[in-house]
Amino acid sequence: MEISKLKLELYDLAAIILPGLFLIAEFVALFMGFQQLLSYARGFHGAELTLLLLCSFALGNLVQEAGDRLIKQLVGKRFFRQARDRFWASELKQNVCDKIVRLGGPANPSVDAAFDFCLTCLDGEFAKRDVFLAISDLSRSMWVLSILGMLPLARSVVYAYGWRNRSVVASEGAFLIAICAYLSWSRMVRFRELSESPVFHSFLARAIKRDNADPKNEDDD
């Protein structure tokens, strides 16, 4: 199998394969050390790189699932949909509902049903949503991987020579992991919101354009 023949979407690469690669790197660093990790990274080519890519795809899905379940357990099942919930509590809800009814949709849909209806009507017109969602899910995986990064850090602390070196490695490593986890969480939340609320706004804008372009709405000469 050649890598050039694999058809990968943006989401596959950013949100699944990259987290899978980082997880493999953490495993190697945990069991063999960072020096061995760098040695392996320089030696991959051809079939080995293809196998690494396939393994990364498989493990990346596990990282995504772990992040989804862990965060929902910590902050609630509606955490990733809180942006649409806030929109649905605003005054613009009625405008969306009216447009949905005019287009043949249900009269009083739930927020999730309305979101799916609006997204279906957009039919790819909100193209950046895929980018926002990929960045959000990548950041979610990076948050999980930051937590798992404590394991290879602990190994480095144990194998460091002398208590002074161990304290330096522990403090610097913990600081970097904390920063990575914080930034990953912030970016995950921000881009998840960007992938949710604009769906309703885009739906309203598209419906207005459709009404204005409808010949039936134009006055007869």
Protein backbone atom coordinates (compact mmCIF):
# COMPACT_ATOMS: atom_id res chain seq x y z
CA MET A 1 0.00 0.00 0.00
CA GLU A 2 1.29 3.44 -0.92
CA ILE A 3 0.58 6.50 1.19
CA SER A 4 -0.09 8.54 -1.95
CA LYS A 5 -3.09 6.29 -2.72
CA LEU A 6 -4.74 6.92 0.65
CA LYS A 7 -7.51 9.50 0.47
CA LEU A 8 -7.50 11.49 3.70
CA GLU A 9 -9.85 14.29 4.65
CA LEU A 10 -8.81 17.20 6.83
CA TYR A 11 -10.61 15.71 9.83
CA ASP A 12 -8.88 12.35 9.37
CA LEU A 13 -5.47 13.94 9.38
CA ALA A 14 -5.88 16.62 12.04
CA ALA A 15 -8.27 14.98 14.50
CA ILE A 16 -7.42 11.27 14.21
CA ILE A 17 -4.02 10.53 12.67
CA LEU A 18 -2.06 13.26 14.48
CA PRO A 19 -3.39 12.28 17.94
CA GLY A 20 -2.62 8.66 17.09
CA LEU A 21 0.95 9.59 16.18
CA PHE A 22 1.38 11.55 19.40
CA LEU A 23 0.02 8.62 21.41
CA ILE A 24 2.51 6.24 19.79
CA ALA A 25 5.27 8.73 20.54
CA GLU A 26 4.22 8.85 24.19
CA PHE A 27 4.21 5.04 24.40
CA VAL A 28 7.71 4.84 22.96
CA ALA A 29 8.93 7.58 25.28
CA LEU A 30 7.34 5.82 28.25
CA PHE A 31 8.83 2.38 27.65
CA MET A 32 12.08 3.22 25.82
CA GLY A 33 12.87 6.85 26.52
CA PHE A 34 13.00 10.03 24.47
CA GLN A 35 16.37 9.22 22.91
CA GLN A 36 15.01 5.99 21.45
CA LEU A 37 11.94 7.88 20.24
CA LEU A 38 14.11 10.28 18.25
CA SER A 39 16.09 7.38 16.85
CA TYR A 40 12.94 5.63 15.64
CA ALA A 41 11.56 8.87 14.14
CA ARG A 42 14.62 9.23 11.90
CA GLY A 43 14.43 5.65 10.65
CA PHE A 44 10.85 5.37 9.36
CA HIS A 45 10.34 5.03 5.61
CA GLY A 46 8.23 3.20 3.02
CA ALA A 47 6.19 0.29 4.36
CA GLU A 48 7.04 1.13 7.96
CA LEU A 49 5.64 4.63 7.54
CA THR A 50 2.47 3.22 5.98
CA LEU A 51 2.01 0.83 8.91
CA LEU A 52 2.63 3.68 11.33
CA LEU A 53 -0.04 5.72 9.56
CA LEU A 54 -2.59 2.91 9.82
CA CYS A 55 -1.81 2.32 13.49
CA SER A 56 -2.10 6.04 14.14
CA PHE A 57 -5.54 6.08 12.54
CA ALA A 58 -6.69 3.23 14.78
CA LEU A 59 -5.23 4.68 17.97
CA GLY A 60 -6.43 8.18 17.10
CA ASN A 61 -10.01 6.95 17.22
CA LEU A 62 -9.38 5.56 20.70
CA VAL A 63 -7.97 8.90 21.84
CA GLN A 64 -11.03 10.68 20.47
CA GLU A 65 -13.39 8.30 22.23
CA ALA A 66 -11.46 8.56 25.49
CA GLY A 67 -11.55 12.35 25.34
CA ASP A 68 -15.27 12.43 24.58
CA ARG A 69 -16.19 10.09 27.41
CA LEU A 70 -13.84 11.63 29.96
CA ILE A 71 -14.98 15.21 29.37
CA LYS A 72 -18.66 14.27 29.37
CA GLN A 73 -18.16 12.46 32.68
CA LEU A 74 -16.45 15.53 34.14
CA VAL A 75 -18.67 18.37 32.90
CA GLY A 76 -21.88 16.77 31.61
CA LYS A 77 -23.24 15.20 28.44
CA ARG A 78 -24.31 18.54 26.91
CA PHE A 79 -20.89 20.15 27.25
CA PHE A 80 -20.04 19.97 23.54
CA ARG A 81 -23.51 21.27 22.62
CA GLN A 82 -23.71 24.14 25.07
CA ALA A 83 -23.22 26.73 22.31
CA ARG A 84 -26.36 25.57 20.49
CA ASP A 85 -28.21 25.43 23.82
CA ARG A 86 -27.33 29.07 24.51
CA PHE A 87 -28.52 30.05 21.05
CA TRP A 88 -31.76 28.17 21.56
CA ALA A 89 -32.37 30.15 24.75
CA SER A 90 -32.00 33.46 22.88
CA GLU A 91 -34.65 35.49 21.04
CA LEU A 92 -33.36 34.25 17.68
CA LYS A 93 -34.83 30.81 18.35
CA GLN A 94 -38.24 31.89 17.07
CA ASN A 95 -36.76 33.18 13.83
CA VAL A 96 -35.14 29.82 13.20
CA CYS A 97 -38.33 27.95 14.06
CA ASP A 98 -40.35 30.14 11.68
CA LYS A 99 -37.91 29.48 8.84
CA ILE A 100 -37.94 25.76 9.53
CA VAL A 101 -41.74 25.68 9.32
CA ARG A 102 -41.70 27.67 6.06
CA LEU A 103 -39.31 25.12 4.59
CA GLY A 104 -41.53 22.21 5.57
CA GLY A 105 -39.87 21.24 8.86
CA PRO A 106 -41.45 20.47 12.25
CA ALA A 107 -43.24 23.25 14.13
CA ASN A 108 -41.59 22.88 17.54
CA PRO A 109 -38.31 21.01 17.08
CA SER A 110 -35.81 20.34 19.82
CA VAL A 111 -32.52 22.17 19.63
CA ASP A 112 -30.73 19.10 18.28
CA ALA A 113 -33.42 18.39 15.68
CA ALA A 114 -33.34 22.04 14.60
CA PHE A 115 -29.56 21.98 14.40
CA ASP A 116 -29.59 18.89 12.18
CA PHE A 117 -32.29 20.41 9.98
CA CYS A 118 -30.36 23.66 9.56
CA LEU A 119 -27.11 21.83 8.87
CA THR A 120 -28.81 19.66 6.25
CA CYS A 121 -30.33 22.71 4.55
CA LEU A 122 -26.95 24.41 4.39
CA ASP A 123 -25.66 21.45 2.36
CA GLY A 124 -21.98 22.28 2.80
CA GLU A 125 -22.36 26.07 2.51
CA PHE A 126 -20.84 26.48 5.99
CA ALA A 127 -17.61 24.89 4.81
CA LYS A 128 -15.47 26.19 7.63
CA ARG A 129 -17.43 24.11 10.11
CA ASP A 130 -15.35 21.06 9.16
CA VAL A 131 -12.18 23.03 9.88
CA PHE A 132 -13.49 24.34 13.22
CA LEU A 133 -14.66 20.87 14.25
CA ALA A 134 -11.34 19.27 13.31
CA ILE A 135 -9.40 21.87 15.33
CA SER A 136 -11.73 21.42 18.31
CA ASP A 137 -11.41 17.64 18.29
CA LEU A 138 -7.66 17.84 17.79
CA SER A 139 -7.45 20.13 20.81
CA ARG A 140 -9.58 17.69 22.80
CA SER A 141 -7.16 14.90 21.96
CA MET A 142 -4.22 17.11 22.86
CA TRP A 143 -5.81 17.70 26.26
CA VAL A 144 -6.08 13.95 26.83
CA LEU A 145 -2.54 13.40 25.58
CA SER A 146 -1.30 16.12 27.94
CA ILE A 147 -2.68 14.12 30.84
CA LEU A 148 -1.13 10.92 29.52
CA GLY A 149 2.13 12.83 29.10
CA MET A 150 2.57 12.62 32.86
CA LEU A 151 3.61 8.97 32.42
CA PRO A 152 6.71 9.49 30.22
CA LEU A 153 7.51 12.52 32.38
CA ALA A 154 7.52 10.29 35.45
CA ARG A 155 9.87 7.91 33.65
CA SER A 156 12.23 10.75 32.81
CA VAL A 157 12.22 11.88 36.43
CA VAL A 158 13.03 8.38 37.68
CA TYR A 159 15.90 7.92 35.21
CA ALA A 160 17.34 11.41 35.73
CA TYR A 161 20.70 11.44 37.51
CA GLY A 162 20.65 13.11 40.92
CA TRP A 163 17.89 14.75 42.92
CA ARG A 164 18.61 18.18 41.51
CA ASN A 165 18.20 17.01 37.92
CA ARG A 166 15.06 15.12 38.88
CA SER A 167 13.47 18.20 40.43
CA VAL A 168 14.34 20.28 37.36
CA VAL A 169 12.91 17.69 34.96
CA ALA A 170 9.78 17.29 37.09
CA SER A 171 9.07 21.01 37.48
CA GLU A 172 9.78 21.97 33.87
CA GLY A 173 7.91 18.97 32.48
CA ALA A 174 4.88 19.57 34.71
CA PHE A 175 4.84 23.25 33.71
CA LEU A 176 4.90 22.43 29.99
CA ILE A 177 2.19 19.79 30.39
CA ALA A 178 -0.01 22.18 32.37
CA ILE A 179 0.35 24.90 29.72
CA CYS A 180 -0.40 22.44 26.93
CA ALA A 181 -3.48 21.12 28.75
CA TYR A 182 -4.80 24.62 29.47
CA LEU A 183 -4.31 25.91 25.92
CA SER A 184 -5.77 22.72 24.44
CA TRP A 185 -8.89 23.03 26.60
CA SER A 186 -9.35 26.71 25.73
CA ARG A 187 -8.97 26.08 22.01
CA MET A 188 -11.28 23.07 22.13
CA VAL A 189 -14.07 25.11 23.74
CA ARG A 190 -13.64 28.12 21.45
CA PHE A 191 -13.61 26.20 18.17
CA ARG A 192 -16.43 23.91 19.28
CA GLU A 193 -18.56 27.02 19.75
CA LEU A 194 -17.49 28.31 16.33
CA SER A 195 -18.68 25.05 14.79
CA GLU A 196 -22.11 25.17 16.49
CA SER A 197 -23.81 28.60 16.74
CA PRO A 198 -22.93 29.86 13.22
CA VAL A 199 -24.97 26.97 11.80
CA PHE A 200 -28.17 28.70 12.91
CA HIS A 201 -26.99 32.13 11.72
CA SER A 202 -25.94 30.70 8.36
CA PHE A 203 -29.30 28.98 8.03
CA LEU A 204 -31.13 32.25 8.61
CA ALA A 205 -28.94 34.07 6.12
CA ARG A 206 -29.40 31.35 3.50
CA ALA A 207 -33.16 31.33 3.95
CA ILE A 208 -33.28 35.11 3.47
CA LYS A 209 -31.22 34.84 0.29
CA ARG A 210 -33.54 32.13 -1.00
CA ASP A 211 -36.63 34.27 -0.31
CA ASN A 212 -35.12 37.29 -2.05
CA ALA A 213 -34.10 35.21 -5.05
CA ASP A 214 -37.53 33.55 -5.38
CA PRO A 215 -39.26 34.90 -8.52
CA LYS A 216 -42.63 34.50 -6.76
CA ASN A 217 -41.67 37.28 -4.38
CA GLU A 218 -41.01 39.74 -7.19
CA ASP A 219 -43.72 42.15 -8.29
CA ASP A 220 -45.24 41.52 -11.69
CA ASP A 221 -44.48 44.14 -14.35
